[in-house]
Amino acid sequence: MCSSAIAKSSPKSSPKRVGMGRNGPPSPKGLHVEVGGAKAGSRVSAIPGCKCVDVRALPNPYAHVAKGKLRDDPDSIATWLVSRQKAAFDGFVNEVLQQLLKQRCVRVQCHGGKHRSAAVAKVAMTMYNIMRTDCMSRGKVVKLDA
């Protein structure tokens, strides 16, 4: 939900702002990667004009996690994604990393905002923090829908 800061809470209600101020968490300060979903009901970005990286092209690990075949943590899911589509996963991580190196906040989203997006965001932010030597420019991952 990158393009709009307006979302409908129900069919009968008027549009309201979601993800900012009283209706959601305030925009985090500093450089960060925001993780969220693209499905209806997902929280919209709290970053005005952020770059959005949609990772729904990666295989969805949801069924494997639900059946207990895959642990529900970003590191396990990243390993699982790399074993299936390394080039695509690396491409998304690189896209996020390039935005961070330009000192731009970025949103990574998949369908639900919990598995693929969190894995890509964590790997990209880890790489960014390793590349940065001054602690003042360290970034963090902010999860909206997980």
N, C-alpha and C. Protein backbone atom coordinates (compact mmCIF):
# COMPACT_ATOMS: atom_id res chain seq x y z
N MET A 1 0.84 -1.17 0.00
CA MET A 1 0.00 0.00 0.00
C MET A 1 0.89 1.24 0.00
N CYS A 2 1.62 1.42 -1.06
CA CYS A 2 2.61 2.49 -1.12
C CYS A 2 2.06 3.81 -1.63
N SER A 3 1.15 3.76 -2.56
CA SER A 3 0.83 4.97 -3.31
C SER A 3 -0.12 5.92 -2.61
N SER A 4 -0.84 5.47 -1.61
CA SER A 4 -1.85 6.33 -1.02
C SER A 4 -1.81 6.28 0.49
N ALA A 5 -2.07 7.41 1.11
CA ALA A 5 -2.15 7.45 2.57
C ALA A 5 -3.60 7.40 3.03
N ILE A 6 -4.52 7.12 2.12
CA ILE A 6 -5.93 7.04 2.46
C ILE A 6 -6.39 5.60 2.30
N ALA A 7 -7.11 5.11 3.29
CA ALA A 7 -7.66 3.75 3.22
C ALA A 7 -9.05 3.77 3.82
N LYS A 8 -9.93 2.93 3.32
CA LYS A 8 -11.26 2.84 3.87
C LYS A 8 -11.26 1.81 4.98
N SER A 9 -11.84 2.18 6.12
CA SER A 9 -11.88 1.25 7.24
C SER A 9 -13.05 0.30 7.12
N SER A 10 -14.13 0.72 6.50
CA SER A 10 -15.26 -0.16 6.22
C SER A 10 -16.07 0.45 5.09
N PRO A 11 -16.93 -0.36 4.43
CA PRO A 11 -17.67 0.18 3.28
C PRO A 11 -18.57 1.35 3.64
N LYS A 12 -19.08 1.42 4.87
CA LYS A 12 -20.01 2.48 5.23
C LYS A 12 -19.33 3.71 5.81
N SER A 13 -18.07 3.61 6.18
CA SER A 13 -17.41 4.74 6.81
C SER A 13 -16.73 5.62 5.78
N SER A 14 -16.39 6.81 6.22
CA SER A 14 -15.67 7.71 5.33
C SER A 14 -14.19 7.35 5.37
N PRO A 15 -13.44 7.75 4.34
CA PRO A 15 -12.00 7.44 4.33
C PRO A 15 -11.32 8.08 5.53
N LYS A 16 -10.32 7.40 6.06
CA LYS A 16 -9.55 7.97 7.16
C LYS A 16 -8.07 7.71 6.91
N ARG A 17 -7.24 8.51 7.54
CA ARG A 17 -5.81 8.32 7.43
C ARG A 17 -5.40 7.15 8.31
N VAL A 18 -4.58 6.27 7.75
CA VAL A 18 -4.10 5.12 8.49
C VAL A 18 -2.58 5.15 8.47
N GLY A 19 -1.96 4.78 9.58
CA GLY A 19 -0.51 4.68 9.62
C GLY A 19 0.21 5.94 10.03
N MET A 20 -0.55 7.00 10.36
CA MET A 20 0.08 8.23 10.78
C MET A 20 -0.69 8.81 11.96
N GLY A 21 0.03 9.44 12.86
CA GLY A 21 -0.60 10.14 13.96
C GLY A 21 -1.44 9.25 14.86
N ARG A 22 -2.64 9.70 15.20
CA ARG A 22 -3.50 8.99 16.14
C ARG A 22 -4.03 7.68 15.59
N ASN A 23 -4.10 7.52 14.30
CA ASN A 23 -4.65 6.30 13.70
C ASN A 23 -3.59 5.24 13.44
N GLY A 24 -2.39 5.44 13.87
CA GLY A 24 -1.32 4.48 13.65
C GLY A 24 -0.03 5.01 14.22
N PRO A 25 1.04 4.27 14.03
CA PRO A 25 2.31 4.72 14.59
C PRO A 25 2.80 5.96 13.86
N PRO A 26 3.45 6.86 14.57
CA PRO A 26 4.02 8.02 13.89
C PRO A 26 5.14 7.58 12.96
N SER A 27 5.42 8.41 11.99
CA SER A 27 6.52 8.10 11.08
C SER A 27 7.82 7.98 11.87
N PRO A 28 8.54 6.85 11.72
CA PRO A 28 9.80 6.71 12.44
C PRO A 28 10.83 7.71 11.93
N LYS A 29 11.67 8.17 12.83
CA LYS A 29 12.72 9.12 12.44
C LYS A 29 13.96 8.34 12.06
N GLY A 30 14.73 8.86 11.14
CA GLY A 30 15.96 8.22 10.73
C GLY A 30 15.76 7.31 9.53
N LEU A 31 16.85 6.78 9.05
CA LEU A 31 16.82 5.91 7.88
C LEU A 31 16.29 4.54 8.27
N HIS A 32 15.31 4.06 7.54
CA HIS A 32 14.76 2.75 7.85
C HIS A 32 14.13 2.10 6.63
N VAL A 33 13.89 0.81 6.76
CA VAL A 33 13.15 0.05 5.77
C VAL A 33 11.82 -0.31 6.42
N GLU A 34 10.76 0.08 5.78
CA GLU A 34 9.41 -0.21 6.28
C GLU A 34 8.92 -1.48 5.60
N VAL A 35 8.33 -2.39 6.37
CA VAL A 35 7.83 -3.65 5.85
C VAL A 35 6.32 -3.65 6.00
N GLY A 36 5.60 -4.01 4.92
CA GLY A 36 4.15 -4.04 5.00
C GLY A 36 3.56 -4.92 3.92
N GLY A 37 2.25 -5.02 3.97
CA GLY A 37 1.53 -5.85 3.01
C GLY A 37 0.84 -5.02 1.95
N ALA A 38 0.42 -5.72 0.89
CA ALA A 38 -0.29 -5.07 -0.21
C ALA A 38 -1.77 -5.45 -0.23
N LYS A 39 -2.17 -6.43 0.58
CA LYS A 39 -3.56 -6.89 0.57
C LYS A 39 -4.47 -5.87 1.25
N ALA A 40 -5.76 -5.99 1.00
CA ALA A 40 -6.73 -5.11 1.62
C ALA A 40 -6.62 -5.22 3.14
N GLY A 41 -6.65 -4.10 3.82
CA GLY A 41 -6.54 -4.08 5.26
C GLY A 41 -5.13 -3.88 5.77
N SER A 42 -4.14 -3.94 4.89
CA SER A 42 -2.76 -3.70 5.30
C SER A 42 -2.58 -2.21 5.57
N ARG A 43 -1.66 -1.91 6.44
CA ARG A 43 -1.41 -0.51 6.77
C ARG A 43 -0.65 0.17 5.65
N VAL A 44 -1.01 1.40 5.40
CA VAL A 44 -0.34 2.17 4.35
C VAL A 44 0.98 2.69 4.87
N SER A 45 1.82 3.10 3.97
CA SER A 45 3.14 3.59 4.34
C SER A 45 3.05 4.85 5.19
N ALA A 46 3.92 4.92 6.16
CA ALA A 46 4.04 6.12 7.00
C ALA A 46 5.12 7.05 6.46
N ILE A 47 5.70 6.70 5.32
CA ILE A 47 6.76 7.50 4.71
C ILE A 47 6.22 8.18 3.47
N PRO A 48 6.04 9.48 3.50
CA PRO A 48 5.55 10.17 2.30
C PRO A 48 6.54 10.05 1.15
N GLY A 49 6.07 9.61 0.00
CA GLY A 49 6.89 9.53 -1.20
C GLY A 49 8.01 8.51 -1.17
N CYS A 50 7.88 7.48 -0.36
CA CYS A 50 8.95 6.48 -0.27
C CYS A 50 9.02 5.63 -1.53
N LYS A 51 10.19 5.05 -1.76
CA LYS A 51 10.37 4.08 -2.83
C LYS A 51 9.74 2.78 -2.36
N CYS A 52 8.94 2.15 -3.20
CA CYS A 52 8.28 0.90 -2.83
C CYS A 52 8.86 -0.25 -3.65
N VAL A 53 9.28 -1.31 -2.97
CA VAL A 53 9.81 -2.50 -3.61
C VAL A 53 8.80 -3.62 -3.34
N ASP A 54 8.13 -4.08 -4.39
CA ASP A 54 7.11 -5.12 -4.26
C ASP A 54 7.75 -6.47 -4.56
N VAL A 55 7.81 -7.35 -3.55
CA VAL A 55 8.51 -8.63 -3.69
C VAL A 55 7.56 -9.81 -3.88
N ARG A 56 6.34 -9.54 -4.31
CA ARG A 56 5.37 -10.63 -4.51
C ARG A 56 5.77 -11.59 -5.62
N ALA A 57 6.76 -11.25 -6.43
CA ALA A 57 7.24 -12.17 -7.47
C ALA A 57 8.03 -13.33 -6.87
N LEU A 58 8.48 -13.19 -5.64
CA LEU A 58 9.20 -14.28 -4.97
C LEU A 58 8.20 -15.36 -4.54
N PRO A 59 8.64 -16.62 -4.40
CA PRO A 59 7.74 -17.68 -3.95
C PRO A 59 7.20 -17.36 -2.56
N ASN A 60 5.93 -17.68 -2.34
CA ASN A 60 5.31 -17.40 -1.05
C ASN A 60 5.54 -18.56 -0.08
N PRO A 61 6.20 -18.30 1.06
CA PRO A 61 6.49 -19.37 2.02
C PRO A 61 5.35 -19.66 2.98
N TYR A 62 4.23 -18.98 2.83
CA TYR A 62 3.14 -19.07 3.81
C TYR A 62 2.74 -20.51 4.11
N ALA A 63 2.50 -21.34 3.08
CA ALA A 63 2.05 -22.72 3.30
C ALA A 63 3.11 -23.53 4.05
N HIS A 64 4.37 -23.32 3.73
CA HIS A 64 5.45 -24.05 4.40
C HIS A 64 5.54 -23.66 5.88
N VAL A 65 5.33 -22.38 6.16
CA VAL A 65 5.34 -21.91 7.55
C VAL A 65 4.13 -22.47 8.29
N ALA A 66 2.96 -22.40 7.67
CA ALA A 66 1.72 -22.87 8.30
C ALA A 66 1.77 -24.37 8.62
N LYS A 67 2.43 -25.14 7.78
CA LYS A 67 2.54 -26.60 7.99
C LYS A 67 3.69 -26.97 8.92
N GLY A 68 4.45 -25.99 9.37
CA GLY A 68 5.56 -26.25 10.27
C GLY A 68 6.82 -26.75 9.58
N LYS A 69 6.86 -26.68 8.25
CA LYS A 69 8.04 -27.13 7.50
C LYS A 69 9.13 -26.06 7.45
N LEU A 70 8.77 -24.82 7.81
CA LEU A 70 9.69 -23.70 7.73
C LEU A 70 9.46 -22.81 8.95
N ARG A 71 10.55 -22.44 9.62
CA ARG A 71 10.42 -21.56 10.79
C ARG A 71 9.97 -20.17 10.35
N ASP A 72 9.17 -19.55 11.20
CA ASP A 72 8.60 -18.24 10.92
C ASP A 72 9.53 -17.13 11.41
N ASP A 73 10.71 -17.05 10.80
CA ASP A 73 11.63 -15.96 11.12
C ASP A 73 12.32 -15.53 9.82
N PRO A 74 12.70 -14.25 9.73
CA PRO A 74 13.27 -13.72 8.49
C PRO A 74 14.51 -14.46 7.98
N ASP A 75 15.36 -14.93 8.90
CA ASP A 75 16.57 -15.63 8.46
C ASP A 75 16.25 -16.96 7.78
N SER A 76 15.36 -17.74 8.39
CA SER A 76 14.96 -19.02 7.79
C SER A 76 14.26 -18.81 6.45
N ILE A 77 13.40 -17.80 6.40
CA ILE A 77 12.66 -17.53 5.17
C ILE A 77 13.61 -17.02 4.08
N ALA A 78 14.60 -16.19 4.45
CA ALA A 78 15.58 -15.73 3.46
C ALA A 78 16.36 -16.91 2.88
N THR A 79 16.77 -17.83 3.73
CA THR A 79 17.49 -19.02 3.25
C THR A 79 16.61 -19.83 2.31
N TRP A 80 15.34 -20.00 2.67
CA TRP A 80 14.38 -20.74 1.84
C TRP A 80 14.19 -20.06 0.49
N LEU A 81 14.06 -18.72 0.49
CA LEU A 81 13.87 -17.97 -0.76
C LEU A 81 15.10 -18.06 -1.66
N VAL A 82 16.28 -17.96 -1.06
CA VAL A 82 17.53 -18.05 -1.84
C VAL A 82 17.64 -19.44 -2.47
N SER A 83 17.21 -20.48 -1.76
CA SER A 83 17.30 -21.83 -2.32
C SER A 83 16.36 -22.02 -3.50
N ARG A 84 15.36 -21.18 -3.64
CA ARG A 84 14.39 -21.31 -4.73
C ARG A 84 14.61 -20.30 -5.86
N GLN A 85 14.90 -19.05 -5.50
CA GLN A 85 15.08 -18.02 -6.54
C GLN A 85 16.16 -17.04 -6.11
N LYS A 86 17.39 -17.50 -6.09
CA LYS A 86 18.51 -16.67 -5.61
C LYS A 86 18.65 -15.37 -6.39
N ALA A 87 18.59 -15.44 -7.70
CA ALA A 87 18.79 -14.24 -8.51
C ALA A 87 17.72 -13.19 -8.22
N ALA A 88 16.48 -13.61 -8.14
CA ALA A 88 15.39 -12.67 -7.86
C ALA A 88 15.53 -12.08 -6.45
N PHE A 89 15.81 -12.94 -5.47
CA PHE A 89 15.98 -12.47 -4.09
C PHE A 89 17.12 -11.46 -4.01
N ASP A 90 18.26 -11.81 -4.60
CA ASP A 90 19.42 -10.90 -4.59
C ASP A 90 19.10 -9.58 -5.29
N GLY A 91 18.31 -9.64 -6.36
CA GLY A 91 17.92 -8.42 -7.07
C GLY A 91 17.09 -7.49 -6.20
N PHE A 92 16.14 -8.05 -5.45
CA PHE A 92 15.32 -7.23 -4.55
C PHE A 92 16.15 -6.65 -3.41
N VAL A 93 17.03 -7.47 -2.83
CA VAL A 93 17.91 -6.98 -1.76
C VAL A 93 18.78 -5.84 -2.29
N ASN A 94 19.33 -6.00 -3.48
CA ASN A 94 20.17 -4.96 -4.07
C ASN A 94 19.37 -3.68 -4.31
N GLU A 95 18.13 -3.81 -4.78
CA GLU A 95 17.30 -2.63 -5.02
C GLU A 95 17.07 -1.85 -3.72
N VAL A 96 16.78 -2.55 -2.64
CA VAL A 96 16.58 -1.91 -1.34
C VAL A 96 17.90 -1.29 -0.87
N LEU A 97 18.98 -2.03 -0.98
CA LEU A 97 20.29 -1.55 -0.54
C LEU A 97 20.70 -0.28 -1.28
N GLN A 98 20.44 -0.22 -2.57
CA GLN A 98 20.79 0.98 -3.35
C GLN A 98 20.05 2.21 -2.83
N GLN A 99 18.79 2.06 -2.45
CA GLN A 99 18.03 3.18 -1.89
C GLN A 99 18.62 3.61 -0.55
N LEU A 100 18.99 2.64 0.28
CA LEU A 100 19.59 2.95 1.58
C LEU A 100 20.92 3.68 1.42
N LEU A 101 21.72 3.24 0.47
CA LEU A 101 23.01 3.89 0.23
C LEU A 101 22.84 5.33 -0.26
N LYS A 102 21.69 5.63 -0.85
CA LYS A 102 21.38 7.00 -1.27
C LYS A 102 20.71 7.77 -0.13
N GLN A 103 20.68 7.15 1.07
CA GLN A 103 20.06 7.75 2.26
C GLN A 103 18.57 7.99 2.06
N ARG A 104 17.90 7.05 1.40
CA ARG A 104 16.46 7.14 1.19
C ARG A 104 15.77 6.00 1.93
N CYS A 105 14.69 6.33 2.61
CA CYS A 105 13.88 5.30 3.25
C CYS A 105 13.12 4.54 2.16
N VAL A 106 12.80 3.30 2.43
CA VAL A 106 12.16 2.45 1.42
C VAL A 106 11.14 1.53 2.10
N ARG A 107 10.10 1.20 1.37
CA ARG A 107 9.10 0.25 1.84
C ARG A 107 9.24 -1.02 1.02
N VAL A 108 9.25 -2.17 1.71
CA VAL A 108 9.28 -3.47 1.05
C VAL A 108 7.95 -4.13 1.36
N GLN A 109 7.25 -4.57 0.32
CA GLN A 109 5.95 -5.18 0.57
C GLN A 109 5.76 -6.46 -0.21
N CYS A 110 5.00 -7.36 0.41
CA CYS A 110 4.56 -8.59 -0.25
C CYS A 110 3.05 -8.65 -0.01
N HIS A 111 2.44 -9.80 -0.09
CA HIS A 111 0.99 -9.86 0.07
C HIS A 111 0.55 -9.48 1.48
N GLY A 112 1.10 -10.16 2.48
CA GLY A 112 0.68 -9.91 3.86
C GLY A 112 1.63 -9.06 4.66
N GLY A 113 2.83 -8.84 4.16
CA GLY A 113 3.79 -8.01 4.86
C GLY A 113 4.49 -8.70 6.02
N LYS A 114 4.57 -10.03 5.95
CA LYS A 114 5.15 -10.74 7.08
C LYS A 114 6.37 -11.59 6.73
N HIS A 115 6.36 -12.29 5.61
CA HIS A 115 7.41 -13.25 5.33
C HIS A 115 8.44 -12.75 4.32
N ARG A 116 8.06 -12.68 3.04
CA ARG A 116 9.02 -12.29 1.99
C ARG A 116 9.57 -10.90 2.21
N SER A 117 8.69 -9.95 2.49
CA SER A 117 9.14 -8.56 2.67
C SER A 117 10.06 -8.42 3.88
N ALA A 118 9.74 -9.11 4.97
CA ALA A 118 10.58 -9.03 6.16
C ALA A 118 11.95 -9.64 5.91
N ALA A 119 11.99 -10.74 5.15
CA ALA A 119 13.27 -11.39 4.85
C ALA A 119 14.15 -10.48 3.98
N VAL A 120 13.58 -9.91 2.93
CA VAL A 120 14.34 -9.02 2.04
C VAL A 120 14.82 -7.80 2.83
N ALA A 121 13.94 -7.21 3.63
CA ALA A 121 14.29 -6.02 4.41
C ALA A 121 15.41 -6.31 5.39
N LYS A 122 15.33 -7.43 6.08
CA LYS A 122 16.36 -7.75 7.08
C LYS A 122 17.72 -7.96 6.42
N VAL A 123 17.76 -8.70 5.33
CA VAL A 123 19.04 -8.94 4.65
C VAL A 123 19.61 -7.63 4.13
N ALA A 124 18.78 -6.79 3.51
CA ALA A 124 19.26 -5.51 2.97
C ALA A 124 19.77 -4.60 4.09
N MET A 125 19.03 -4.53 5.19
CA MET A 125 19.44 -3.65 6.29
C MET A 125 20.71 -4.18 6.96
N THR A 126 20.83 -5.49 7.08
CA THR A 126 22.05 -6.07 7.65
C THR A 126 23.25 -5.72 6.78
N MET A 127 23.10 -5.86 5.47
CA MET A 127 24.20 -5.51 4.55
C MET A 127 24.53 -4.02 4.66
N TYR A 128 23.51 -3.17 4.73
CA TYR A 128 23.73 -1.73 4.84
C TYR A 128 24.49 -1.40 6.13
N ASN A 129 24.06 -1.98 7.25
CA ASN A 129 24.70 -1.69 8.53
C ASN A 129 26.14 -2.21 8.58
N ILE A 130 26.44 -3.29 7.89
CA ILE A 130 27.81 -3.79 7.82
C ILE A 130 28.68 -2.83 7.00
N MET A 131 28.11 -2.27 5.93
CA MET A 131 28.86 -1.37 5.06
C MET A 131 29.12 -0.02 5.72
N ARG A 132 28.26 0.39 6.63
CA ARG A 132 28.40 1.70 7.28
C ARG A 132 29.35 1.58 8.47
N THR A 133 30.28 2.49 8.60
CA THR A 133 31.21 2.43 9.71
C THR A 133 30.82 3.39 10.83
N ASP A 134 30.11 4.45 10.51
CA ASP A 134 29.71 5.36 11.59
C ASP A 134 28.35 4.95 12.14
N CYS A 135 28.27 4.84 13.43
CA CYS A 135 27.05 4.35 14.09
C CYS A 135 25.87 5.29 13.94
N MET A 136 26.14 6.55 13.63
CA MET A 136 25.05 7.53 13.52
C MET A 136 24.17 7.27 12.30
N SER A 137 24.67 6.57 11.30
CA SER A 137 23.87 6.36 10.09
C SER A 137 23.29 4.94 10.02
N ARG A 138 23.31 4.21 11.10
CA ARG A 138 22.73 2.87 11.10
C ARG A 138 21.23 2.96 10.87
N GLY A 139 20.69 1.97 10.18
CA GLY A 139 19.26 1.95 9.89
C GLY A 139 18.57 0.85 10.65
N LYS A 140 17.23 0.81 10.53
CA LYS A 140 16.45 -0.23 11.19
C LYS A 140 15.28 -0.63 10.31
N VAL A 141 14.71 -1.79 10.63
CA VAL A 141 13.53 -2.30 9.94
C VAL A 141 12.32 -2.00 10.79
N VAL A 142 11.26 -1.45 10.18
CA VAL A 142 10.02 -1.16 10.88
C VAL A 142 8.92 -1.99 10.25
N LYS A 143 8.30 -2.89 11.04
CA LYS A 143 7.26 -3.77 10.53
C LYS A 143 5.88 -3.20 10.83
N LEU A 144 5.07 -3.03 9.80
CA LEU A 144 3.72 -2.50 9.98
C LEU A 144 2.67 -3.58 10.11
N ASP A 145 2.77 -4.66 9.34
CA ASP A 145 1.72 -5.67 9.30
C ASP A 145 2.11 -7.00 9.90
N ALA A 146 3.33 -7.17 10.34
CA ALA A 146 3.77 -8.46 10.87
C ALA A 146 3.42 -8.61 12.33
